[in-house]
């Protein structure tokens, strides 16, 4: 069963709903890329094992992609943040599915 919950995007509120989850998948759009840092901190607080950031497009690790689509720099900052948080035990997976042609 899939359950949905509407909560404020604060670390403490998100941690409550993340409690007991093995993974968190973020599917936010460009306006929410930076908010993912709060999601990540909440996932750590809730002992979530894996986080999947909103990385569903070209690889933001690719410098050429970041030059072509400047908003991807925000996505790279999220990946850098995840790398910093690896020492907490949180693992992560970024899914680069290819370019978005119908934007």
PDB file of N, CA and C in Angstrom:
ATOM      1  N   UNK A   1       0.828  -1.181   0.000  1.00  0.00           N
ATOM      2  CA  UNK A   1       0.000   0.000   0.000  1.00  0.00           C
ATOM      3  C   UNK A   1       0.874   1.247   0.000  1.00  0.00           C
ATOM      4  N   UNK A   2       0.486   2.212  -0.769  1.00  0.00           N
ATOM      5  CA  UNK A   2       1.194   3.488  -0.809  1.00  0.00           C
ATOM      6  C   UNK A   2       0.427   4.483   0.045  1.00  0.00           C
ATOM      7  N   UNK A   3       1.141   5.091   0.959  1.00  0.00           N
ATOM      8  CA  UNK A   3       0.539   6.093   1.826  1.00  0.00           C
ATOM      9  C   UNK A   3       1.147   7.455   1.506  1.00  0.00           C
ATOM     10  N   UNK A   4       0.347   8.479   1.563  1.00  0.00           N
ATOM     11  CA  UNK A   4       0.861   9.837   1.388  1.00  0.00           C
ATOM     12  C   UNK A   4       0.585  10.622   2.668  1.00  0.00           C
ATOM     13  N   UNK A   5       1.497  11.531   2.946  1.00  0.00           N
ATOM     14  CA  UNK A   5       1.343  12.399   4.103  1.00  0.00           C
ATOM     15  C   UNK A   5       1.772  13.798   3.706  1.00  0.00           C
ATOM     16  N   UNK A   6       1.022  14.768   4.120  1.00  0.00           N
ATOM     17  CA  UNK A   6       1.345  16.165   3.842  1.00  0.00           C
ATOM     18  C   UNK A   6       1.928  16.775   5.111  1.00  0.00           C
ATOM     19  N   UNK A   7       3.224  17.169   5.023  1.00  0.00           N
ATOM     20  CA  UNK A   7       3.904  17.738   6.192  1.00  0.00           C
ATOM     21  C   UNK A   7       4.734  18.934   5.742  1.00  0.00           C
ATOM     22  N   UNK A   8       5.049  19.829   6.673  1.00  0.00           N
ATOM     23  CA  UNK A   8       5.972  20.923   6.342  1.00  0.00           C
ATOM     24  C   UNK A   8       7.347  20.352   6.001  1.00  0.00           C
ATOM     25  N   UNK A   9       8.062  21.032   5.141  1.00  0.00           N
ATOM     26  CA  UNK A   9       9.404  20.586   4.749  1.00  0.00           C
ATOM     27  C   UNK A   9      10.440  21.023   5.774  1.00  0.00           C
ATOM     28  N   UNK A  10      10.280  20.550   6.987  1.00  0.00           N
ATOM     29  CA  UNK A  10      11.272  20.810   8.027  1.00  0.00           C
ATOM     30  C   UNK A  10      11.945  19.485   8.361  1.00  0.00           C
ATOM     31  N   UNK A  11      13.167  19.564   8.833  1.00  0.00           N
ATOM     32  CA  UNK A  11      13.899  18.344   9.158  1.00  0.00           C
ATOM     33  C   UNK A  11      13.136  17.478  10.151  1.00  0.00           C
ATOM     34  N   UNK A  12      12.603  18.089  11.207  1.00  0.00           N
ATOM     35  CA  UNK A  12      11.929  17.297  12.245  1.00  0.00           C
ATOM     36  C   UNK A  12      10.650  16.641  11.738  1.00  0.00           C
ATOM     37  N   UNK A  13       9.848  17.361  10.958  1.00  0.00           N
ATOM     38  CA  UNK A  13       8.599  16.790  10.431  1.00  0.00           C
ATOM     39  C   UNK A  13       8.870  15.711   9.388  1.00  0.00           C
ATOM     40  N   UNK A  14       9.838  15.957   8.529  1.00  0.00           N
ATOM     41  CA  UNK A  14      10.180  14.952   7.525  1.00  0.00           C
ATOM     42  C   UNK A  14      10.770  13.706   8.182  1.00  0.00           C
ATOM     43  N   UNK A  15      11.592  13.889   9.210  1.00  0.00           N
ATOM     44  CA  UNK A  15      12.180  12.742   9.895  1.00  0.00           C
ATOM     45  C   UNK A  15      11.092  11.838  10.472  1.00  0.00           C
ATOM     46  N   UNK A  16      10.014  12.433  10.960  1.00  0.00           N
ATOM     47  CA  UNK A  16       8.909  11.632  11.507  1.00  0.00           C
ATOM     48  C   UNK A  16       8.301  10.724  10.437  1.00  0.00           C
ATOM     49  N   UNK A  17       8.086  11.255   9.240  1.00  0.00           N
ATOM     50  CA  UNK A  17       7.463  10.433   8.188  1.00  0.00           C
ATOM     51  C   UNK A  17       8.461   9.503   7.519  1.00  0.00           C
ATOM     52  N   UNK A  18       9.752   9.815   7.599  1.00  0.00           N
ATOM     53  CA  UNK A  18      10.782   8.933   7.043  1.00  0.00           C
ATOM     54  C   UNK A  18      11.102   7.766   7.980  1.00  0.00           C
ATOM     55  N   UNK A  19      10.737   7.889   9.249  1.00  0.00           N
ATOM     56  CA  UNK A  19      11.041   6.854  10.238  1.00  0.00           C
ATOM     57  C   UNK A  19      10.546   5.494   9.755  1.00  0.00           C
ATOM     58  N   UNK A  20      11.435   4.497   9.818  1.00  0.00           N
ATOM     59  CA  UNK A  20      11.068   3.142   9.439  1.00  0.00           C
ATOM     60  C   UNK A  20      11.161   2.841   7.946  1.00  0.00           C
ATOM     61  N   UNK A  21      11.551   3.834   7.148  1.00  0.00           N
ATOM     62  CA  UNK A  21      11.676   3.631   5.706  1.00  0.00           C
ATOM     63  C   UNK A  21      13.107   3.208   5.375  1.00  0.00           C
ATOM     64  N   UNK A  22      13.234   2.330   4.391  1.00  0.00           N
ATOM     65  CA  UNK A  22      14.565   1.909   3.939  1.00  0.00           C
ATOM     66  C   UNK A  22      15.176   2.927   2.989  1.00  0.00           C
ATOM     67  N   UNK A  23      14.320   3.593   2.201  1.00  0.00           N
ATOM     68  CA  UNK A  23      14.821   4.530   1.187  1.00  0.00           C
ATOM     69  C   UNK A  23      13.868   5.706   1.040  1.00  0.00           C
ATOM     70  N   UNK A  24      14.419   6.816   0.595  1.00  0.00           N
ATOM     71  CA  UNK A  24      13.640   8.002   0.238  1.00  0.00           C
ATOM     72  C   UNK A  24      14.005   8.347  -1.191  1.00  0.00           C
ATOM     73  N   UNK A  25      12.986   8.509  -2.027  1.00  0.00           N
ATOM     74  CA  UNK A  25      13.182   8.902  -3.423  1.00  0.00           C
ATOM     75  C   UNK A  25      12.645  10.321  -3.587  1.00  0.00           C
ATOM     76  N   UNK A  26      13.507  11.226  -3.971  1.00  0.00           N
ATOM     77  CA  UNK A  26      13.113  12.613  -4.185  1.00  0.00           C
ATOM     78  C   UNK A  26      12.814  12.832  -5.666  1.00  0.00           C
ATOM     79  N   UNK A  27      11.675  13.432  -5.943  1.00  0.00           N
ATOM     80  CA  UNK A  27      11.297  13.723  -7.327  1.00  0.00           C
ATOM     81  C   UNK A  27      10.912  15.192  -7.475  1.00  0.00           C
ATOM     82  N   UNK A  28      11.578  16.062  -6.730  1.00  0.00           N
ATOM     83  CA  UNK A  28      11.273  17.490  -6.798  1.00  0.00           C
ATOM     84  C   UNK A  28      11.763  18.078  -8.116  1.00  0.00           C
ATOM     85  N   UNK A  29      11.120  19.153  -8.521  1.00  0.00           N
ATOM     86  CA  UNK A  29      11.549  19.885  -9.708  1.00  0.00           C
ATOM     87  C   UNK A  29      12.605  20.914  -9.349  1.00  0.00           C
ATOM     88  N   UNK A  30      12.958  21.715 -10.319  1.00  0.00           N
ATOM     89  CA  UNK A  30      14.051  22.678 -10.162  1.00  0.00           C
ATOM     90  C   UNK A  30      13.873  23.590  -8.953  1.00  0.00           C
ATOM     91  N   UNK A  31      12.657  23.986  -8.656  1.00  0.00           N
ATOM     92  CA  UNK A  31      12.422  24.885  -7.526  1.00  0.00           C
ATOM     93  C   UNK A  31      12.748  24.227  -6.188  1.00  0.00           C
ATOM     94  N   UNK A  32      12.802  22.902  -6.156  1.00  0.00           N
ATOM     95  CA  UNK A  32      13.044  22.202  -4.905  1.00  0.00           C
ATOM     96  C   UNK A  32      14.401  21.543  -4.779  1.00  0.00           C
ATOM     97  N   UNK A  33      15.295  21.759  -5.763  1.00  0.00           N
ATOM     98  CA  UNK A  33      16.592  21.081  -5.719  1.00  0.00           C
ATOM     99  C   UNK A  33      17.328  21.327  -4.405  1.00  0.00           C
ATOM    100  N   UNK A  34      17.392  22.575  -3.967  1.00  0.00           N
ATOM    101  CA  UNK A  34      18.135  22.893  -2.741  1.00  0.00           C
ATOM    102  C   UNK A  34      17.436  22.365  -1.494  1.00  0.00           C
ATOM    103  N   UNK A  35      16.097  22.223  -1.552  1.00  0.00           N
ATOM    104  CA  UNK A  35      15.349  21.696  -0.406  1.00  0.00           C
ATOM    105  C   UNK A  35      15.765  20.268  -0.079  1.00  0.00           C
ATOM    106  N   UNK A  36      16.365  19.591  -1.033  1.00  0.00           N
ATOM    107  CA  UNK A  36      16.757  18.202  -0.817  1.00  0.00           C
ATOM    108  C   UNK A  36      17.771  18.054   0.316  1.00  0.00           C
ATOM    109  N   UNK A  37      18.502  19.112   0.607  1.00  0.00           N
ATOM    110  CA  UNK A  37      19.444  19.045   1.727  1.00  0.00           C
ATOM    111  C   UNK A  37      18.690  18.819   3.039  1.00  0.00           C
ATOM    112  N   UNK A  38      17.523  19.420   3.163  1.00  0.00           N
ATOM    113  CA  UNK A  38      16.681  19.190   4.343  1.00  0.00           C
ATOM    114  C   UNK A  38      16.184  17.745   4.326  1.00  0.00           C
ATOM    115  N   UNK A  39      15.800  17.243   3.148  1.00  0.00           N
ATOM    116  CA  UNK A  39      15.354  15.850   3.033  1.00  0.00           C
ATOM    117  C   UNK A  39      16.475  14.903   3.472  1.00  0.00           C
ATOM    118  N   UNK A  40      17.684  15.202   3.030  1.00  0.00           N
ATOM    119  CA  UNK A  40      18.844  14.360   3.354  1.00  0.00           C
ATOM    120  C   UNK A  40      19.088  14.350   4.861  1.00  0.00           C
ATOM    121  N   UNK A  41      19.073  15.525   5.473  1.00  0.00           N
ATOM    122  CA  UNK A  41      19.289  15.601   6.925  1.00  0.00           C
ATOM    123  C   UNK A  41      18.191  14.855   7.678  1.00  0.00           C
ATOM    124  N   UNK A  42      16.951  14.975   7.200  1.00  0.00           N
ATOM    125  CA  UNK A  42      15.840  14.260   7.835  1.00  0.00           C
ATOM    126  C   UNK A  42      15.998  12.751   7.665  1.00  0.00           C
ATOM    127  N   UNK A  43      16.455  12.332   6.497  1.00  0.00           N
ATOM    128  CA  UNK A  43      16.674  10.900   6.253  1.00  0.00           C
ATOM    129  C   UNK A  43      17.735  10.356   7.199  1.00  0.00           C
ATOM    130  N   UNK A  44      18.791  11.114   7.408  1.00  0.00           N
ATOM    131  CA  UNK A  44      19.847  10.700   8.335  1.00  0.00           C
ATOM    132  C   UNK A  44      19.288  10.595   9.752  1.00  0.00           C
ATOM    133  N   UNK A  45      18.527  11.596  10.152  1.00  0.00           N
ATOM    134  CA  UNK A  45      17.933  11.618  11.494  1.00  0.00           C
ATOM    135  C   UNK A  45      17.005  10.420  11.706  1.00  0.00           C
ATOM    136  N   UNK A  46      16.321   9.990  10.632  1.00  0.00           N
ATOM    137  CA  UNK A  46      15.375   8.871  10.720  1.00  0.00           C
ATOM    138  C   UNK A  46      16.033   7.518  10.453  1.00  0.00           C
ATOM    139  N   UNK A  47      17.346   7.508  10.284  1.00  0.00           N
ATOM    140  CA  UNK A  47      18.102   6.268  10.020  1.00  0.00           C
ATOM    141  C   UNK A  47      17.694   5.577   8.718  1.00  0.00           C
ATOM    142  N   UNK A  48      17.336   6.377   7.719  1.00  0.00           N
ATOM    143  CA  UNK A  48      17.053   5.834   6.382  1.00  0.00           C
ATOM    144  C   UNK A  48      18.370   5.320   5.809  1.00  0.00           C
ATOM    145  N   UNK A  49      18.319   4.217   5.085  1.00  0.00           N
ATOM    146  CA  UNK A  49      19.545   3.608   4.571  1.00  0.00           C
ATOM    147  C   UNK A  49      20.003   4.209   3.240  1.00  0.00           C
ATOM    148  N   UNK A  50      19.043   4.580   2.358  1.00  0.00           N
ATOM    149  CA  UNK A  50      19.423   5.040   1.017  1.00  0.00           C
ATOM    150  C   UNK A  50      18.560   6.229   0.610  1.00  0.00           C
ATOM    151  N   UNK A  51      19.205   7.165  -0.079  1.00  0.00           N
ATOM    152  CA  UNK A  51      18.527   8.360  -0.589  1.00  0.00           C
ATOM    153  C   UNK A  51      18.765   8.438  -2.091  1.00  0.00           C
ATOM    154  N   UNK A  52      17.706   8.667  -2.840  1.00  0.00           N
ATOM    155  CA  UNK A  52      17.807   8.882  -4.285  1.00  0.00           C
ATOM    156  C   UNK A  52      17.409  10.320  -4.578  1.00  0.00           C
ATOM    157  N   UNK A  53      18.374  11.169  -4.921  1.00  0.00           N
ATOM    158  CA  UNK A  53      18.060  12.574  -5.196  1.00  0.00           C
ATOM    159  C   UNK A  53      17.338  12.725  -6.531  1.00  0.00           C
ATOM    160  N   UNK A  54      16.730  13.859  -6.730  1.00  0.00           N
ATOM    161  CA  UNK A  54      16.071  14.171  -7.995  1.00  0.00           C
ATOM    162  C   UNK A  54      17.153  14.414  -9.043  1.00  0.00           C
ATOM    163  N   UNK A  55      17.562  13.349  -9.677  1.00  0.00           N
ATOM    164  CA  UNK A  55      18.691  13.361 -10.612  1.00  0.00           C
ATOM    165  C   UNK A  55      18.254  12.752 -11.943  1.00  0.00           C
ATOM    166  N   UNK A  56      16.952  12.771 -12.206  1.00  0.00           N
ATOM    167  CA  UNK A  56      16.374  12.080 -13.353  1.00  0.00           C
ATOM    168  C   UNK A  56      16.508  12.913 -14.627  1.00  0.00           C
ATOM    169  N   UNK A  57      17.698  12.951 -15.171  1.00  0.00           N
ATOM    170  CA  UNK A  57      17.968  13.668 -16.426  1.00  0.00           C
ATOM    171  C   UNK A  57      19.420  13.385 -16.781  1.00  0.00           C
ATOM    172  N   UNK A  58      20.057  14.310 -17.474  1.00  0.00           N
ATOM    173  CA  UNK A  58      21.475  14.141 -17.788  1.00  0.00           C
ATOM    174  C   UNK A  58      22.293  14.127 -16.503  1.00  0.00           C
ATOM    175  N   UNK A  59      23.435  13.496 -16.558  1.00  0.00           N
ATOM    176  CA  UNK A  59      24.296  13.418 -15.385  1.00  0.00           C
ATOM    177  C   UNK A  59      24.803  14.801 -15.004  1.00  0.00           C
ATOM    178  N   UNK A  60      24.515  15.209 -13.789  1.00  0.00           N
ATOM    179  CA  UNK A  60      24.983  16.511 -13.332  1.00  0.00           C
ATOM    180  C   UNK A  60      26.458  16.482 -12.951  1.00  0.00           C
ATOM    181  N   UNK A  61      27.058  15.295 -12.981  1.00  0.00           N
ATOM    182  CA  UNK A  61      28.503  15.219 -12.787  1.00  0.00           C
ATOM    183  C   UNK A  61      29.237  15.608 -14.062  1.00  0.00           C
ATOM    184  N   UNK A  62      28.515  15.680 -15.172  1.00  0.00           N
ATOM    185  CA  UNK A  62      29.077  16.049 -16.463  1.00  0.00           C
ATOM    186  C   UNK A  62      29.149  17.573 -16.562  1.00  0.00           C
ATOM    187  N   UNK A  63      30.359  18.091 -16.647  1.00  0.00           N
ATOM    188  CA  UNK A  63      30.551  19.546 -16.674  1.00  0.00           C
ATOM    189  C   UNK A  63      29.869  20.196 -17.878  1.00  0.00           C
ATOM    190  N   UNK A  64      29.893  19.534 -19.031  1.00  0.00           N
ATOM    191  CA  UNK A  64      29.246  20.077 -20.229  1.00  0.00           C
ATOM    192  C   UNK A  64      27.741  20.206 -20.011  1.00  0.00           C
ATOM    193  N   UNK A  65      27.139  19.237 -19.365  1.00  0.00           N
ATOM    194  CA  UNK A  65      25.699  19.300 -19.085  1.00  0.00           C
ATOM    195  C   UNK A  65      25.387  20.470 -18.162  1.00  0.00           C
ATOM    196  N   UNK A  66      26.250  20.696 -17.171  1.00  0.00           N
ATOM    197  CA  UNK A  66      26.030  21.824 -16.252  1.00  0.00           C
ATOM    198  C   UNK A  66      26.186  23.163 -16.958  1.00  0.00           C
ATOM    199  N   UNK A  67      27.087  23.241 -17.941  1.00  0.00           N
ATOM    200  CA  UNK A  67      27.232  24.495 -18.699  1.00  0.00           C
ATOM    201  C   UNK A  67      25.998  24.741 -19.562  1.00  0.00           C
ATOM    202  N   UNK A  68      25.453  23.689 -20.162  1.00  0.00           N
ATOM    203  CA  UNK A  68      24.280  23.828 -21.028  1.00  0.00           C
ATOM    204  C   UNK A  68      23.008  24.142 -20.242  1.00  0.00           C
ATOM    205  N   UNK A  69      22.900  23.573 -19.040  1.00  0.00           N
ATOM    206  CA  UNK A  69      21.708  23.757 -18.207  1.00  0.00           C
ATOM    207  C   UNK A  69      22.188  24.219 -16.826  1.00  0.00           C
ATOM    208  N   UNK A  70      22.346  25.527 -16.650  1.00  0.00           N
ATOM    209  CA  UNK A  70      22.936  26.044 -15.406  1.00  0.00           C
ATOM    210  C   UNK A  70      22.237  25.593 -14.119  1.00  0.00           C
ATOM    211  N   UNK A  71      20.942  25.301 -14.169  1.00  0.00           N
ATOM    212  CA  UNK A  71      20.243  24.867 -12.955  1.00  0.00           C
ATOM    213  C   UNK A  71      20.784  23.522 -12.465  1.00  0.00           C
ATOM    214  N   UNK A  72      21.466  22.784 -13.336  1.00  0.00           N
ATOM    215  CA  UNK A  72      22.066  21.516 -12.920  1.00  0.00           C
ATOM    216  C   UNK A  72      23.179  21.721 -11.899  1.00  0.00           C
ATOM    217  N   UNK A  73      23.708  22.936 -11.810  1.00  0.00           N
ATOM    218  CA  UNK A  73      24.726  23.215 -10.792  1.00  0.00           C
ATOM    219  C   UNK A  73      24.128  23.013  -9.394  1.00  0.00           C
ATOM    220  N   UNK A  74      22.850  23.357  -9.228  1.00  0.00           N
ATOM    221  CA  UNK A  74      22.176  23.127  -7.946  1.00  0.00           C
ATOM    222  C   UNK A  74      22.089  21.631  -7.646  1.00  0.00           C
ATOM    223  N   UNK A  75      21.837  20.835  -8.679  1.00  0.00           N
ATOM    224  CA  UNK A  75      21.778  19.389  -8.499  1.00  0.00           C
ATOM    225  C   UNK A  75      23.149  18.836  -8.100  1.00  0.00           C
ATOM    226  N   UNK A  76      24.189  19.381  -8.692  1.00  0.00           N
ATOM    227  CA  UNK A  76      25.554  18.941  -8.333  1.00  0.00           C
ATOM    228  C   UNK A  76      25.852  19.261  -6.876  1.00  0.00           C
ATOM    229  N   UNK A  77      25.384  20.416  -6.415  1.00  0.00           N
ATOM    230  CA  UNK A  77      25.585  20.774  -5.012  1.00  0.00           C
ATOM    231  C   UNK A  77      24.921  19.755  -4.086  1.00  0.00           C
ATOM    232  N   UNK A  78      23.780  19.233  -4.494  1.00  0.00           N
ATOM    233  CA  UNK A  78      23.101  18.205  -3.705  1.00  0.00           C
ATOM    234  C   UNK A  78      23.936  16.923  -3.690  1.00  0.00           C
ATOM    235  N   UNK A  79      24.491  16.546  -4.843  1.00  0.00           N
ATOM    236  CA  UNK A  79      25.346  15.351  -4.883  1.00  0.00           C
ATOM    237  C   UNK A  79      26.582  15.537  -4.018  1.00  0.00           C
ATOM    238  N   UNK A  80      27.159  16.725  -4.052  1.00  0.00           N
ATOM    239  CA  UNK A  80      28.315  17.016  -3.195  1.00  0.00           C
ATOM    240  C   UNK A  80      27.928  16.897  -1.716  1.00  0.00           C
ATOM    241  N   UNK A  81      26.740  17.382  -1.382  1.00  0.00           N
ATOM    242  CA  UNK A  81      26.251  17.299  -0.008  1.00  0.00           C
ATOM    243  C   UNK A  81      26.077  15.838   0.416  1.00  0.00           C
ATOM    244  N   UNK A  82      25.524  15.029  -0.489  1.00  0.00           N
ATOM    245  CA  UNK A  82      25.376  13.602  -0.196  1.00  0.00           C
ATOM    246  C   UNK A  82      26.733  12.949   0.049  1.00  0.00           C
ATOM    247  N   UNK A  83      27.713  13.312  -0.745  1.00  0.00           N
ATOM    248  CA  UNK A  83      29.061  12.757  -0.548  1.00  0.00           C
ATOM    249  C   UNK A  83      29.600  13.130   0.833  1.00  0.00           C
ATOM    250  N   UNK A  84      29.341  14.360   1.262  1.00  0.00           N
ATOM    251  CA  UNK A  84      29.782  14.801   2.591  1.00  0.00           C
ATOM    252  C   UNK A  84      29.104  13.988   3.698  1.00  0.00           C
ATOM    253  N   UNK A  85      27.885  13.549   3.457  1.00  0.00           N
ATOM    254  CA  UNK A  85      27.092  12.858   4.475  1.00  0.00           C
ATOM    255  C   UNK A  85      27.290  11.343   4.470  1.00  0.00           C
ATOM    256  N   UNK A  86      28.100  10.821   3.577  1.00  0.00           N
ATOM    257  CA  UNK A  86      28.314   9.372   3.510  1.00  0.00           C
ATOM    258  C   UNK A  86      28.856   8.814   4.822  1.00  0.00           C
ATOM    259  N   UNK A  87      29.597   9.609   5.557  1.00  0.00           N
ATOM    260  CA  UNK A  87      30.178   9.140   6.820  1.00  0.00           C
ATOM    261  C   UNK A  87      29.115   8.853   7.875  1.00  0.00           C
ATOM    262  N   UNK A  88      27.884   9.314   7.661  1.00  0.00           N
ATOM    263  CA  UNK A  88      26.794   9.062   8.614  1.00  0.00           C
ATOM    264  C   UNK A  88      26.192   7.675   8.429  1.00  0.00           C
ATOM    265  N   UNK A  89      26.557   7.015   7.327  1.00  0.00           N
ATOM    266  CA  UNK A  89      25.974   5.706   7.028  1.00  0.00           C
ATOM    267  C   UNK A  89      24.909   5.762   5.957  1.00  0.00           C
ATOM    268  N   UNK A  90      24.477   6.947   5.581  1.00  0.00           N
ATOM    269  CA  UNK A  90      23.484   7.085   4.514  1.00  0.00           C
ATOM    270  C   UNK A  90      24.162   6.775   3.176  1.00  0.00           C
ATOM    271  N   UNK A  91      23.546   5.895   2.407  1.00  0.00           N
ATOM    272  CA  UNK A  91      24.026   5.625   1.059  1.00  0.00           C
ATOM    273  C   UNK A  91      23.094   6.333   0.086  1.00  0.00           C
ATOM    274  N   UNK A  92      23.554   6.494  -1.149  1.00  0.00           N
ATOM    275  CA  UNK A  92      22.725   7.200  -2.122  1.00  0.00           C
ATOM    276  C   UNK A  92      22.976   6.662  -3.519  1.00  0.00           C
ATOM    277  N   UNK A  93      21.991   6.893  -4.375  1.00  0.00           N
ATOM    278  CA  UNK A  93      22.070   6.494  -5.772  1.00  0.00           C
ATOM    279  C   UNK A  93      21.486   7.618  -6.611  1.00  0.00           C
ATOM    280  N   UNK A  94      22.236   8.055  -7.609  1.00  0.00           N
ATOM    281  CA  UNK A  94      21.730   9.043  -8.566  1.00  0.00           C
ATOM    282  C   UNK A  94      21.411   8.333  -9.871  1.00  0.00           C
ATOM    283  N   UNK A  95      20.226   8.554 -10.388  1.00  0.00           N
ATOM    284  CA  UNK A  95      19.809   7.936 -11.648  1.00  0.00           C
ATOM    285  C   UNK A  95      19.832   8.974 -12.764  1.00  0.00           C
ATOM    286  N   UNK A  96      20.863   8.905 -13.600  1.00  0.00           N
ATOM    287  CA  UNK A  96      20.971   9.802 -14.760  1.00  0.00           C
ATOM    288  C   UNK A  96      20.336   9.076 -15.945  1.00  0.00           C
ATOM    289  N   UNK A  97      19.146   9.504 -16.319  1.00  0.00           N
ATOM    290  CA  UNK A  97      18.360   8.801 -17.336  1.00  0.00           C
ATOM    291  C   UNK A  97      18.580   9.323 -18.747  1.00  0.00           C
ATOM    292  N   UNK A  98      19.284  10.433 -18.897  1.00  0.00           N
ATOM    293  CA  UNK A  98      19.522  11.016 -20.207  1.00  0.00           C
ATOM    294  C   UNK A  98      18.898  12.397 -20.309  1.00  0.00           C
ATOM    295  N   UNK A  99      19.109  13.063 -21.434  1.00  0.00           N
ATOM    296  CA  UNK A  99      18.618  14.438 -21.578  1.00  0.00           C
ATOM    297  C   UNK A  99      17.095  14.520 -21.604  1.00  0.00           C
ATOM    298  N   UNK A 100      16.598  15.625 -21.074  1.00  0.00           N
ATOM    299  CA  UNK A 100      15.161  15.925 -21.135  1.00  0.00           C
ATOM    300  C   UNK A 100      14.917  16.751 -22.386  1.00  0.00           C
ATOM    301  N   UNK A 101      14.278  16.174 -23.363  1.00  0.00           N
ATOM    302  CA  UNK A 101      14.075  16.872 -24.627  1.00  0.00           C
ATOM    303  C   UNK A 101      12.728  17.575 -24.711  1.00  0.00           C
ATOM    304  N   UNK A 102      11.766  17.150 -23.949  1.00  0.00           N
ATOM    305  CA  UNK A 102      10.434  17.760 -23.961  1.00  0.00           C
ATOM    306  C   UNK A 102      10.212  18.470 -22.640  1.00  0.00           C
ATOM    307  N   UNK A 103      10.783  19.611 -22.459  1.00  0.00           N
ATOM    308  CA  UNK A 103      10.819  20.324 -21.198  1.00  0.00           C
ATOM    309  C   UNK A 103       9.595  21.177 -21.051  1.00  0.00           C
TER     310      UNK A 103
END
